[in-house]
C-alpha atoms as a PDB file:
ATOM      1  CA  UNK A   1      61.637   6.501 -37.073  1.00  0.00           C
ATOM      2  CA  UNK A   2      64.327   3.800 -37.471  1.00  0.00           C
ATOM      3  CA  UNK A   3      64.147   0.385 -35.950  1.00  0.00           C
ATOM      4  CA  UNK A   4      65.311  -3.191 -36.538  1.00  0.00           C
ATOM      5  CA  UNK A   5      62.249  -5.769 -36.731  1.00  0.00           C
ATOM      6  CA  UNK A   6      62.078  -9.054 -37.009  1.00  0.00           C
ATOM      7  CA  UNK A   7      58.454 -10.227 -38.531  1.00  0.00           C
ATOM      8  CA  UNK A   8      59.052 -14.202 -38.107  1.00  0.00           C
ATOM      9  CA  UNK A   9      61.496 -16.053 -35.464  1.00  0.00           C
ATOM     10  CA  UNK A  10      64.537 -17.320 -37.158  1.00  0.00           C
ATOM     11  CA  UNK A  11      68.357 -16.571 -37.424  1.00  0.00           C
ATOM     12  CA  UNK A  12      69.980 -13.203 -37.400  1.00  0.00           C
ATOM     13  CA  UNK A  13      69.168 -13.236 -41.112  1.00  0.00           C
ATOM     14  CA  UNK A  14      65.372 -12.176 -40.272  1.00  0.00           C
ATOM     15  CA  UNK A  15      66.481  -8.966 -38.701  1.00  0.00           C
ATOM     16  CA  UNK A  16      66.481  -5.669 -40.871  1.00  0.00           C
ATOM     17  CA  UNK A  17      66.399  -2.154 -40.429  1.00  0.00           C
ATOM     18  CA  UNK A  18      63.034  -0.136 -41.297  1.00  0.00           C
ATOM     19  CA  UNK A  19      61.020   3.037 -41.022  1.00  0.00           C
ATOM     20  CA  UNK A  20      58.668   2.060 -38.089  1.00  0.00           C
ATOM     21  CA  UNK A  21      55.894   4.583 -36.366  1.00  0.00           C
ATOM     22  CA  UNK A  22      56.732   6.812 -33.912  1.00  0.00           C
ATOM     23  CA  UNK A  23      56.315   6.090 -30.098  1.00  0.00           C
ATOM     24  CA  UNK A  24      55.365   8.618 -27.629  1.00  0.00           C
ATOM     25  CA  UNK A  25      55.334   8.302 -23.825  1.00  0.00           C
ATOM     26  CA  UNK A  26      52.418   7.734 -22.045  1.00  0.00           C
ATOM     27  CA  UNK A  27      51.683   8.523 -18.413  1.00  0.00           C
ATOM     28  CA  UNK A  28      54.765   8.062 -16.100  1.00  0.00           C
ATOM     29  CA  UNK A  29      57.074   7.456 -19.357  1.00  0.00           C
ATOM     30  CA  UNK A  30      59.592   9.288 -20.871  1.00  0.00           C
ATOM     31  CA  UNK A  31      60.950   9.392 -24.526  1.00  0.00           C
ATOM     32  CA  UNK A  32      64.431   8.829 -25.148  1.00  0.00           C
ATOM     33  CA  UNK A  33      66.306   9.554 -28.168  1.00  0.00           C
ATOM     34  CA  UNK A  34      68.676   6.925 -28.275  1.00  0.00           C
ATOM     35  CA  UNK A  35      72.571   6.959 -28.339  1.00  0.00           C
ATOM     36  CA  UNK A  36      73.326   3.301 -27.309  1.00  0.00           C
ATOM     37  CA  UNK A  37      71.942   0.088 -27.104  1.00  0.00           C
ATOM     38  CA  UNK A  38      72.915  -2.866 -25.335  1.00  0.00           C
ATOM     39  CA  UNK A  39      72.919  -6.240 -27.341  1.00  0.00           C
ATOM     40  CA  UNK A  40      72.119  -8.739 -24.763  1.00  0.00           C
ATOM     41  CA  UNK A  41      72.528 -12.957 -25.335  1.00  0.00           C
ATOM     42  CA  UNK A  42      68.822 -13.198 -24.402  1.00  0.00           C
ATOM     43  CA  UNK A  43      67.872 -10.844 -27.553  1.00  0.00           C
ATOM     44  CA  UNK A  44      69.257 -13.832 -29.823  1.00  0.00           C
ATOM     45  CA  UNK A  45      67.165 -16.509 -27.785  1.00  0.00           C
ATOM     46  CA  UNK A  46      63.929 -14.397 -28.387  1.00  0.00           C
ATOM     47  CA  UNK A  47      64.754 -13.790 -31.439  1.00  0.00           C
ATOM     48  CA  UNK A  48      65.044 -17.471 -32.527  1.00  0.00           C
ATOM     49  CA  UNK A  49      61.801 -18.301 -30.651  1.00  0.00           C
ATOM     50  CA  UNK A  50      63.344 -20.304 -27.622  1.00  0.00           C
ATOM     51  CA  UNK A  51      61.972 -18.435 -25.147  1.00  0.00           C
ATOM     52  CA  UNK A  52      58.369 -18.063 -25.793  1.00  0.00           C
ATOM     53  CA  UNK A  53      57.138 -19.885 -22.571  1.00  0.00           C
ATOM     54  CA  UNK A  54      58.996 -16.992 -20.268  1.00  0.00           C
ATOM     55  CA  UNK A  55      59.101 -14.176 -22.927  1.00  0.00           C
ATOM     56  CA  UNK A  56      56.140 -14.290 -25.110  1.00  0.00           C
ATOM     57  CA  UNK A  57      56.513 -12.665 -28.445  1.00  0.00           C
ATOM     58  CA  UNK A  58      54.190 -10.799 -30.827  1.00  0.00           C
ATOM     59  CA  UNK A  59      55.286 -10.321 -34.421  1.00  0.00           C
ATOM     60  CA  UNK A  60      56.636  -7.874 -35.564  1.00  0.00           C
ATOM     61  CA  UNK A  61      58.932  -7.158 -33.001  1.00  0.00           C
ATOM     62  CA  UNK A  62      61.924  -4.947 -32.057  1.00  0.00           C
ATOM     63  CA  UNK A  63      64.667  -6.542 -29.703  1.00  0.00           C
ATOM     64  CA  UNK A  64      66.415  -4.916 -26.839  1.00  0.00           C
ATOM     65  CA  UNK A  65      65.687  -3.721 -23.595  1.00  0.00           C
ATOM     66  CA  UNK A  66      68.129  -1.686 -22.266  1.00  0.00           C
ATOM     67  CA  UNK A  67      69.682   2.161 -23.828  1.00  0.00           C
ATOM     68  CA  UNK A  68      71.293   5.198 -22.944  1.00  0.00           C
ATOM     69  CA  UNK A  69      70.216   8.296 -24.294  1.00  0.00           C
ATOM     70  CA  UNK A  70      68.500  12.127 -24.154  1.00  0.00           C
ATOM     71  CA  UNK A  71      65.258  12.410 -22.998  1.00  0.00           C
ATOM     72  CA  UNK A  72      62.910  14.121 -26.090  1.00  0.00           C
ATOM     73  CA  UNK A  73      59.676  14.137 -24.310  1.00  0.00           C
ATOM     74  CA  UNK A  74      57.752  13.305 -21.164  1.00  0.00           C
ATOM     75  CA  UNK A  75      54.706  11.615 -20.223  1.00  0.00           C
ATOM     76  CA  UNK A  76      51.774  12.789 -18.067  1.00  0.00           C
ATOM     77  CA  UNK A  77      52.658  12.716 -13.827  1.00  0.00           C
ATOM     78  CA  UNK A  78      56.229  12.407 -14.861  1.00  0.00           C
ATOM     79  CA  UNK A  79      58.392  15.103 -12.919  1.00  0.00           C
ATOM     80  CA  UNK A  80      61.591  12.988 -12.244  1.00  0.00           C
ATOM     81  CA  UNK A  81      63.276  13.778 -15.450  1.00  0.00           C
ATOM     82  CA  UNK A  82      63.035  16.672 -17.983  1.00  0.00           C
ATOM     83  CA  UNK A  83      63.811  17.188 -21.653  1.00  0.00           C
ATOM     84  CA  UNK A  84      67.195  17.087 -22.435  1.00  0.00           C
ATOM     85  CA  UNK A  85      68.236  15.244 -19.337  1.00  0.00           C
ATOM     86  CA  UNK A  86      70.812  12.428 -20.665  1.00  0.00           C
ATOM     87  CA  UNK A  87      69.797   8.953 -18.892  1.00  0.00           C
ATOM     88  CA  UNK A  88      70.363   5.077 -19.106  1.00  0.00           C
ATOM     89  CA  UNK A  89      67.886   2.435 -18.132  1.00  0.00           C
ATOM     90  CA  UNK A  90      65.563  -0.363 -19.011  1.00  0.00           C
ATOM     91  CA  UNK A  91      62.996   0.064 -21.993  1.00  0.00           C
ATOM     92  CA  UNK A  92      59.341  -0.481 -22.153  1.00  0.00           C
ATOM     93  CA  UNK A  93      59.634  -1.032 -26.205  1.00  0.00           C
ATOM     94  CA  UNK A  94      62.536  -2.382 -28.156  1.00  0.00           C
ATOM     95  CA  UNK A  95      65.546  -0.643 -27.717  1.00  0.00           C
ATOM     96  CA  UNK A  96      67.085  -1.435 -31.165  1.00  0.00           C
ATOM     97  CA  UNK A  97      65.614   2.104 -32.204  1.00  0.00           C
ATOM     98  CA  UNK A  98      66.173   5.671 -32.948  1.00  0.00           C
ATOM     99  CA  UNK A  99      63.805   6.245 -29.711  1.00  0.00           C
ATOM    100  CA  UNK A 100      62.786   4.158 -27.090  1.00  0.00           C
ATOM    101  CA  UNK A 101      60.023   4.487 -24.282  1.00  0.00           C
ATOM    102  CA  UNK A 102      61.045   3.649 -20.661  1.00  0.00           C
ATOM    103  CA  UNK A 103      58.987   3.929 -17.433  1.00  0.00           C
ATOM    104  CA  UNK A 104      60.694   6.455 -14.879  1.00  0.00           C
ATOM    105  CA  UNK A 105      61.241   3.743 -12.242  1.00  0.00           C
ATOM    106  CA  UNK A 106      63.773   2.176 -14.627  1.00  0.00           C
ATOM    107  CA  UNK A 107      65.334   5.010 -15.482  1.00  0.00           C
ATOM    108  CA  UNK A 108      68.656   6.878 -13.884  1.00  0.00           C
ATOM    109  CA  UNK A 109      70.553   9.878 -14.728  1.00  0.00           C
ATOM    110  CA  UNK A 110      74.063   9.309 -16.629  1.00  0.00           C
ATOM    111  CA  UNK A 111      76.852  10.412 -14.315  1.00  0.00           C
ATOM    112  CA  UNK A 112      79.612  12.805 -16.397  1.00  0.00           C
ATOM    113  CA  UNK A 113      82.495  10.698 -17.041  1.00  0.00           C
ATOM    114  CA  UNK A 114      80.657   7.470 -18.090  1.00  0.00           C
ATOM    115  CA  UNK A 115      80.645   7.308 -22.046  1.00  0.00           C
ATOM    116  CA  UNK A 116      77.242   6.365 -24.043  1.00  0.00           C
ATOM    117  CA  UNK A 117      78.355   2.953 -24.930  1.00  0.00           C
ATOM    118  CA  UNK A 118      79.641   2.198 -21.294  1.00  0.00           C
ATOM    119  CA  UNK A 119      75.863   3.569 -19.834  1.00  0.00           C
ATOM    120  CA  UNK A 120      74.044   1.441 -22.170  1.00  0.00           C
ATOM    121  CA  UNK A 121      75.954  -1.727 -20.824  1.00  0.00           C
ATOM    122  CA  UNK A 122      74.956  -1.182 -17.290  1.00  0.00           C
ATOM    123  CA  UNK A 123      71.173  -1.753 -16.798  1.00  0.00           C
ATOM    124  CA  UNK A 124      70.548  -5.341 -17.632  1.00  0.00           C
ATOM    125  CA  UNK A 125      73.610  -6.719 -16.359  1.00  0.00           C
ATOM    126  CA  UNK A 126      73.845  -4.748 -13.212  1.00  0.00           C
ATOM    127  CA  UNK A 127      70.208  -5.151 -12.500  1.00  0.00           C
ATOM    128  CA  UNK A 128      69.724  -8.799 -13.641  1.00  0.00           C
ATOM    129  CA  UNK A 129      72.856  -9.748 -11.303  1.00  0.00           C
ATOM    130  CA  UNK A 130      71.592  -7.841  -8.375  1.00  0.00           C
ATOM    131  CA  UNK A 131      68.321  -9.594  -8.918  1.00  0.00           C
ATOM    132  CA  UNK A 132      69.395 -12.986  -8.836  1.00  0.00           C
ATOM    133  CA  UNK A 133      71.984 -12.541  -5.933  1.00  0.00           C
ATOM    134  CA  UNK A 134      69.372 -11.314  -3.454  1.00  0.00           C
ATOM    135  CA  UNK A 135      66.871 -14.516  -5.102  1.00  0.00           C
ATOM    136  CA  UNK A 136      70.137 -16.641  -4.253  1.00  0.00           C
ATOM    137  CA  UNK A 137      70.406 -14.814  -0.665  1.00  0.00           C
ATOM    138  CA  UNK A 138      74.113 -14.617  -1.319  1.00  0.00           C
ATOM    139  CA  UNK A 139      75.836 -13.222   1.633  1.00  0.00           C
ATOM    140  CA  UNK A 140      79.662 -12.595   3.345  1.00  0.00           C
ATOM    141  CA  UNK A 141      81.152 -15.869   3.893  1.00  0.00           C
ATOM    142  CA  UNK A 142      79.459 -18.099   1.318  1.00  0.00           C
ATOM    143  CA  UNK A 143      80.532 -19.439  -1.994  1.00  0.00           C
ATOM    144  CA  UNK A 144      78.889 -18.387  -4.926  1.00  0.00           C
ATOM    145  CA  UNK A 145      79.777 -20.449  -8.802  1.00  0.00           C
ATOM    146  CA  UNK A 146      78.711 -18.066 -11.696  1.00  0.00           C
ATOM    147  CA  UNK A 147      78.875 -20.075 -14.906  1.00  0.00           C
ATOM    148  CA  UNK A 148      79.663 -17.568 -17.930  1.00  0.00           C
ATOM    149  CA  UNK A 149      81.263 -15.215 -15.559  1.00  0.00           C
ATOM    150  CA  UNK A 150      83.313 -13.114 -18.385  1.00  0.00           C
ATOM    151  CA  UNK A 151      80.160 -11.918 -20.107  1.00  0.00           C
ATOM    152  CA  UNK A 152      78.474  -8.476 -18.827  1.00  0.00           C
ATOM    153  CA  UNK A 153      75.734  -9.876 -16.552  1.00  0.00           C
ATOM    154  CA  UNK A 154      78.348 -12.548 -15.219  1.00  0.00           C
ATOM    155  CA  UNK A 155      80.692  -9.880 -14.699  1.00  0.00           C
ATOM    156  CA  UNK A 156      78.526  -7.566 -12.978  1.00  0.00           C
ATOM    157  CA  UNK A 157      77.543 -10.958 -10.442  1.00  0.00           C
ATOM    158  CA  UNK A 158      81.264 -11.528  -9.827  1.00  0.00           C
ATOM    159  CA  UNK A 159      81.382  -7.956  -8.537  1.00  0.00           C
ATOM    160  CA  UNK A 160      78.224  -7.525  -6.808  1.00  0.00           C
ATOM    161  CA  UNK A 161      78.704 -10.621  -5.000  1.00  0.00           C
ATOM    162  CA  UNK A 162      82.462 -10.237  -4.273  1.00  0.00           C
ATOM    163  CA  UNK A 163      81.473  -6.428  -2.420  1.00  0.00           C
ATOM    164  CA  UNK A 164      78.795  -8.590  -0.302  1.00  0.00           C
ATOM    165  CA  UNK A 165      81.892 -10.282   0.866  1.00  0.00           C
ATOM    166  CA  UNK A 166      81.241 -13.411  -0.810  1.00  0.00           C
ATOM    167  CA  UNK A 167      83.853 -15.961  -2.544  1.00  0.00           C
ATOM    168  CA  UNK A 168      83.114 -16.525  -6.219  1.00  0.00           C
ATOM    169  CA  UNK A 169      84.233 -18.982  -8.712  1.00  0.00           C
ATOM    170  CA  UNK A 170      83.162 -18.432 -12.072  1.00  0.00           C
ATOM    171  CA  UNK A 171      83.402 -20.498 -14.938  1.00  0.00           C
ATOM    172  CA  UNK A 172      85.227 -19.279 -18.615  1.00  0.00           C
ATOM    173  CA  UNK A 173      87.059 -19.803 -21.171  1.00  0.00           C
ATOM    174  CA  UNK A 174      90.804 -19.730 -20.396  1.00  0.00           C
ATOM    175  CA  UNK A 175      91.652 -16.589 -22.521  1.00  0.00           C
ATOM    176  CA  UNK A 176      89.248 -14.942 -19.702  1.00  0.00           C
ATOM    177  CA  UNK A 177      90.692 -15.896 -16.763  1.00  0.00           C
ATOM    178  CA  UNK A 178      92.940 -13.377 -16.184  1.00  0.00           C
ATOM    179  CA  UNK A 179      90.283 -10.929 -16.756  1.00  0.00           C
ATOM    180  CA  UNK A 180      88.166 -12.497 -14.092  1.00  0.00           C
ATOM    181  CA  UNK A 181      90.737 -12.438 -11.709  1.00  0.00           C
ATOM    182  CA  UNK A 182      90.827  -8.938 -11.659  1.00  0.00           C
ATOM    183  CA  UNK A 183      87.043  -8.762 -11.382  1.00  0.00           C
ATOM    184  CA  UNK A 184      87.660 -10.732  -7.942  1.00  0.00           C
ATOM    185  CA  UNK A 185      86.755 -14.276  -9.121  1.00  0.00           C
ATOM    186  CA  UNK A 186      88.495 -17.426  -9.044  1.00  0.00           C
ATOM    187  CA  UNK A 187      88.639 -18.720 -12.819  1.00  0.00           C
ATOM    188  CA  UNK A 188      87.795 -22.040 -13.971  1.00  0.00           C
ATOM    189  CA  UNK A 189      87.148 -23.765 -17.517  1.00  0.00           C
ATOM    190  CA  UNK A 190      83.850 -25.109 -18.328  1.00  0.00           C
ATOM    191  CA  UNK A 191      83.361 -28.378 -20.164  1.00  0.00           C
ATOM    192  CA  UNK A 192      84.019 -31.633 -19.219  1.00  0.00           C
ATOM    193  CA  UNK A 193      85.705 -32.592 -15.648  1.00  0.00           C
ATOM    194  CA  UNK A 194      83.794 -28.897 -14.420  1.00  0.00           C
ATOM    195  CA  UNK A 195      83.200 -30.943 -11.381  1.00  0.00           C
ATOM    196  CA  UNK A 196      85.838 -31.772 -10.379  1.00  0.00           C
ATOM    197  CA  UNK A 197      87.685 -28.450 -11.469  1.00  0.00           C
ATOM    198  CA  UNK A 198      85.620 -26.612  -8.844  1.00  0.00           C
ATOM    199  CA  UNK A 199      85.756 -28.732  -6.272  1.00  0.00           C
ATOM    200  CA  UNK A 200      89.483 -28.290  -6.477  1.00  0.00           C
ATOM    201  CA  UNK A 201      89.136 -24.336  -6.479  1.00  0.00           C
ATOM    202  CA  UNK A 202      86.432 -24.629  -3.721  1.00  0.00           C
ATOM    203  CA  UNK A 203      87.019 -27.084  -1.103  1.00  0.00           C
ATOM    204  CA  UNK A 204      84.589 -25.768   1.283  1.00  0.00           C
ATOM    205  CA  UNK A 205      81.855 -26.247  -1.067  1.00  0.00           C
ATOM    206  CA  UNK A 206      79.654 -24.448  -3.452  1.00  0.00           C
ATOM    207  CA  UNK A 207      76.652 -22.647  -1.452  1.00  0.00           C
ATOM    208  CA  UNK A 208      74.629 -21.422  -4.246  1.00  0.00           C
ATOM    209  CA  UNK A 209      74.999 -21.143  -8.111  1.00  0.00           C
ATOM    210  CA  UNK A 210      73.921 -18.405 -10.784  1.00  0.00           C
ATOM    211  CA  UNK A 211      73.980 -20.109 -14.295  1.00  0.00           C
ATOM    212  CA  UNK A 212      74.347 -16.946 -17.084  1.00  0.00           C
ATOM    213  CA  UNK A 213      75.629 -18.845 -19.481  1.00  0.00           C
ATOM    214  CA  UNK A 214      72.933 -21.650 -20.096  1.00  0.00           C
ATOM    215  CA  UNK A 215      75.611 -24.184 -21.674  1.00  0.00           C
ATOM    216  CA  UNK A 216      74.633 -27.154 -20.020  1.00  0.00           C
ATOM    217  CA  UNK A 217      75.709 -26.921 -16.522  1.00  0.00           C
ATOM    218  CA  UNK A 218      72.682 -27.458 -14.558  1.00  0.00           C
ATOM    219  CA  UNK A 219      73.258 -31.332 -13.784  1.00  0.00           C
ATOM    220  CA  UNK A 220      76.802 -30.504 -12.538  1.00  0.00           C
ATOM    221  CA  UNK A 221      75.692 -27.503 -10.535  1.00  0.00           C
ATOM    222  CA  UNK A 222      73.005 -29.686  -9.146  1.00  0.00           C
ATOM    223  CA  UNK A 223      75.608 -32.155  -8.288  1.00  0.00           C
ATOM    224  CA  UNK A 224      78.032 -29.351  -6.783  1.00  0.00           C
ATOM    225  CA  UNK A 225      75.193 -28.480  -4.374  1.00  0.00           C
ATOM    226  CA  UNK A 226      75.021 -32.035  -3.185  1.00  0.00           C
ATOM    227  CA  UNK A 227      72.447 -33.126  -5.310  1.00  0.00           C
ATOM    228  CA  UNK A 228      69.824 -30.076  -4.520  1.00  0.00           C
ATOM    229  CA  UNK A 229      68.184 -27.474  -7.271  1.00  0.00           C
ATOM    230  CA  UNK A 230      68.143 -25.804  -3.818  1.00  0.00           C
ATOM    231  CA  UNK A 231      70.037 -22.058  -4.311  1.00  0.00           C
ATOM    232  CA  UNK A 232      70.473 -22.847  -8.197  1.00  0.00           C
ATOM    233  CA  UNK A 233      69.313 -20.412 -10.629  1.00  0.00           C
ATOM    234  CA  UNK A 234      69.832 -20.032 -14.577  1.00  0.00           C
ATOM    235  CA  UNK A 235      68.498 -17.193 -16.503  1.00  0.00           C
ATOM    236  CA  UNK A 236      69.572 -18.867 -19.515  1.00  0.00           C
ATOM    237  CA  UNK A 237      68.728 -22.826 -19.671  1.00  0.00           C
ATOM    238  CA  UNK A 238      65.593 -23.888 -20.898  1.00  0.00           C
ATOM    239  CA  UNK A 239      65.907 -26.960 -19.359  1.00  0.00           C
ATOM    240  CA  UNK A 240      65.913 -25.391 -15.521  1.00  0.00           C
ATOM    241  CA  UNK A 241      62.836 -27.234 -15.015  1.00  0.00           C
ATOM    242  CA  UNK A 242      63.834 -30.453 -15.913  1.00  0.00           C
ATOM    243  CA  UNK A 243      66.429 -30.457 -13.098  1.00  0.00           C
ATOM    244  CA  UNK A 244      64.153 -28.779 -10.508  1.00  0.00           C
ATOM    245  CA  UNK A 245      66.363 -25.353 -10.862  1.00  0.00           C
ATOM    246  CA  UNK A 246      64.800 -22.144 -10.586  1.00  0.00           C
ATOM    247  CA  UNK A 247      64.712 -19.961 -13.764  1.00  0.00           C
ATOM    248  CA  UNK A 248      64.648 -16.243 -13.440  1.00  0.00           C
ATOM    249  CA  UNK A 249      63.163 -14.105 -15.884  1.00  0.00           C
ATOM    250  CA  UNK A 250      63.013 -11.038 -13.926  1.00  0.00           C
ATOM    251  CA  UNK A 251      59.621  -9.136 -15.727  1.00  0.00           C
ATOM    252  CA  UNK A 252      58.952  -5.796 -14.428  1.00  0.00           C
ATOM    253  CA  UNK A 253      60.606  -2.936 -12.524  1.00  0.00           C
ATOM    254  CA  UNK A 254      61.453  -3.255  -9.058  1.00  0.00           C
ATOM    255  CA  UNK A 255      60.706  -0.344  -6.628  1.00  0.00           C
ATOM    256  CA  UNK A 256      64.411   0.366  -6.406  1.00  0.00           C
ATOM    257  CA  UNK A 257      65.683  -0.310  -9.224  1.00  0.00           C
ATOM    258  CA  UNK A 258      66.102   3.675 -10.583  1.00  0.00           C
ATOM    259  CA  UNK A 259      68.266   4.228  -7.417  1.00  0.00           C
ATOM    260  CA  UNK A 260      70.202   0.897  -7.295  1.00  0.00           C
ATOM    261  CA  UNK A 261      70.851   1.723 -11.130  1.00  0.00           C
ATOM    262  CA  UNK A 262      71.810   5.360 -10.179  1.00  0.00           C
ATOM    263  CA  UNK A 263      74.669   3.731  -7.786  1.00  0.00           C
ATOM    264  CA  UNK A 264      76.069   1.476 -10.290  1.00  0.00           C
ATOM    265  CA  UNK A 265      76.330   3.855 -13.019  1.00  0.00           C
ATOM    266  CA  UNK A 266      78.231   6.424 -10.396  1.00  0.00           C
ATOM    267  CA  UNK A 267      80.447   3.385  -9.461  1.00  0.00           C
ATOM    268  CA  UNK A 268      81.045   2.559 -13.224  1.00  0.00           C
ATOM    269  CA  UNK A 269      81.989   6.268 -13.808  1.00  0.00           C
ATOM    270  CA  UNK A 270      84.940   6.446 -11.216  1.00  0.00           C
ATOM    271  CA  UNK A 271      85.932   2.778 -12.268  1.00  0.00           C
ATOM    272  CA  UNK A 272      84.502   1.069  -9.071  1.00  0.00           C
ATOM    273  CA  UNK A 273      82.343  -1.625 -11.405  1.00  0.00           C
ATOM    274  CA  UNK A 274      83.177  -2.545 -14.228  1.00  0.00           C
ATOM    275  CA  UNK A 275      81.135  -3.976 -17.506  1.00  0.00           C
ATOM    276  CA  UNK A 276      83.426  -3.480 -20.220  1.00  0.00           C
ATOM    277  CA  UNK A 277      82.215  -2.706 -24.002  1.00  0.00           C
ATOM    278  CA  UNK A 278      83.634  -5.104 -26.228  1.00  0.00           C
ATOM    279  CA  UNK A 279      82.618  -3.779 -29.642  1.00  0.00           C
ATOM    280  CA  UNK A 280      80.080  -1.139 -31.168  1.00  0.00           C
ATOM    281  CA  UNK A 281      78.153  -1.521 -34.123  1.00  0.00           C
ATOM    282  CA  UNK A 282      75.702   0.700 -36.292  1.00  0.00           C
ATOM    283  CA  UNK A 283      71.718  -0.022 -35.757  1.00  0.00           C
ATOM    284  CA  UNK A 284      71.706  -1.490 -39.343  1.00  0.00           C
ATOM    285  CA  UNK A 285      74.817  -3.967 -37.958  1.00  0.00           C
ATOM    286  CA  UNK A 286      72.456  -5.466 -35.538  1.00  0.00           C
ATOM    287  CA  UNK A 287      72.194  -8.766 -37.450  1.00  0.00           C
ATOM    288  CA  UNK A 288      76.009  -8.861 -36.981  1.00  0.00           C
ATOM    289  CA  UNK A 289      76.188  -8.023 -33.357  1.00  0.00           C
ATOM    290  CA  UNK A 290      73.695 -10.699 -32.757  1.00  0.00           C
ATOM    291  CA  UNK A 291      75.724 -13.117 -34.600  1.00  0.00           C
ATOM    292  CA  UNK A 292      79.089 -12.583 -32.332  1.00  0.00           C
ATOM    293  CA  UNK A 293      76.617 -12.596 -28.769  1.00  0.00           C
ATOM    294  CA  UNK A 294      75.042 -16.177 -30.056  1.00  0.00           C
ATOM    295  CA  UNK A 295      78.562 -17.639 -31.207  1.00  0.00           C
ATOM    296  CA  UNK A 296      79.625 -16.794 -27.173  1.00  0.00           C
ATOM    297  CA  UNK A 297      83.144 -15.847 -25.978  1.00  0.00           C
ATOM    298  CA  UNK A 298      81.963 -11.804 -25.635  1.00  0.00           C
ATOM    299  CA  UNK A 299      83.734 -10.522 -22.797  1.00  0.00           C
ATOM    300  CA  UNK A 300      81.326  -7.808 -21.347  1.00  0.00           C
ATOM    301  CA  UNK A 301      78.865  -6.191 -23.801  1.00  0.00           C
ATOM    302  CA  UNK A 302      78.307  -5.548 -27.854  1.00  0.00           C
ATOM    303  CA  UNK A 303      76.144  -2.158 -28.074  1.00  0.00           C
ATOM    304  CA  UNK A 304      74.843  -0.853 -31.096  1.00  0.00           C
ATOM    305  CA  UNK A 305      75.063   3.154 -31.747  1.00  0.00           C
ATOM    306  CA  UNK A 306      72.002   4.546 -33.752  1.00  0.00           C
ATOM    307  CA  UNK A 307      73.167   7.163 -36.283  1.00  0.00           C
ATOM    308  CA  UNK A 308      76.640   5.713 -37.105  1.00  0.00           C
ATOM    309  CA  UNK A 309      77.557   3.990 -40.055  1.00  0.00           C
END
């Protein structure tokens, strides 16, 4: 089967399209013919070798961890899905490929009205955002600061936190401020002077901080929390330990992950949850997609579409 592989850590130039061995579903797994695969910032960080402490990566490797597609093989004991079902979820093998394996607990049906690219944009963003909001115990009446609020995970975090009744302050470039207002966040620009801008936007103070961007905002986050790293979590900054900040790496699926993902997909299908797709690429254009992701300023998600040229 076709897949994107890399045999050494480095820049986007290490990615290449190759023929690799077919994968087959084991017990409790399904094999899915991939119609779309999400590109996430963590993908280029792993490819560069920056995340080895959190995500040890044997080489050669295929990037990617989310997909949408059609079930074409089921493993022993699988009763939840059948061949021909249209699904989305998180993968057990690299998703930048023609076929992917997934544990049934990390998969949900694709509802009518949700396109392939839009379906592939949901799993990592929504599952990650919900996990960190749970870890931070964000609740009604509190104020949450989200760094990198216009990206896919940030967009999901803003909406899910607002649905809990929290006030959300989101950092982003000024070009994305109107977008954040639509999602329900109070936007502020990142960079020098951030602390003062956040205090002006949230004079009541900040109860929790979710750093999606990993762009050096942890010191400011601790200051905004009154000098404590309590209830400050990052998914992207490798300097977390230096500041005593929690690093949320995820790993494994929650018992309710499939159910939650199904709810998010149904909401997205009727416009109740937005994780916009900024651009799609053919599978062979994975290096270009990761290059754009690494440059930042992506609103929502970049998606690979195997079969496109």
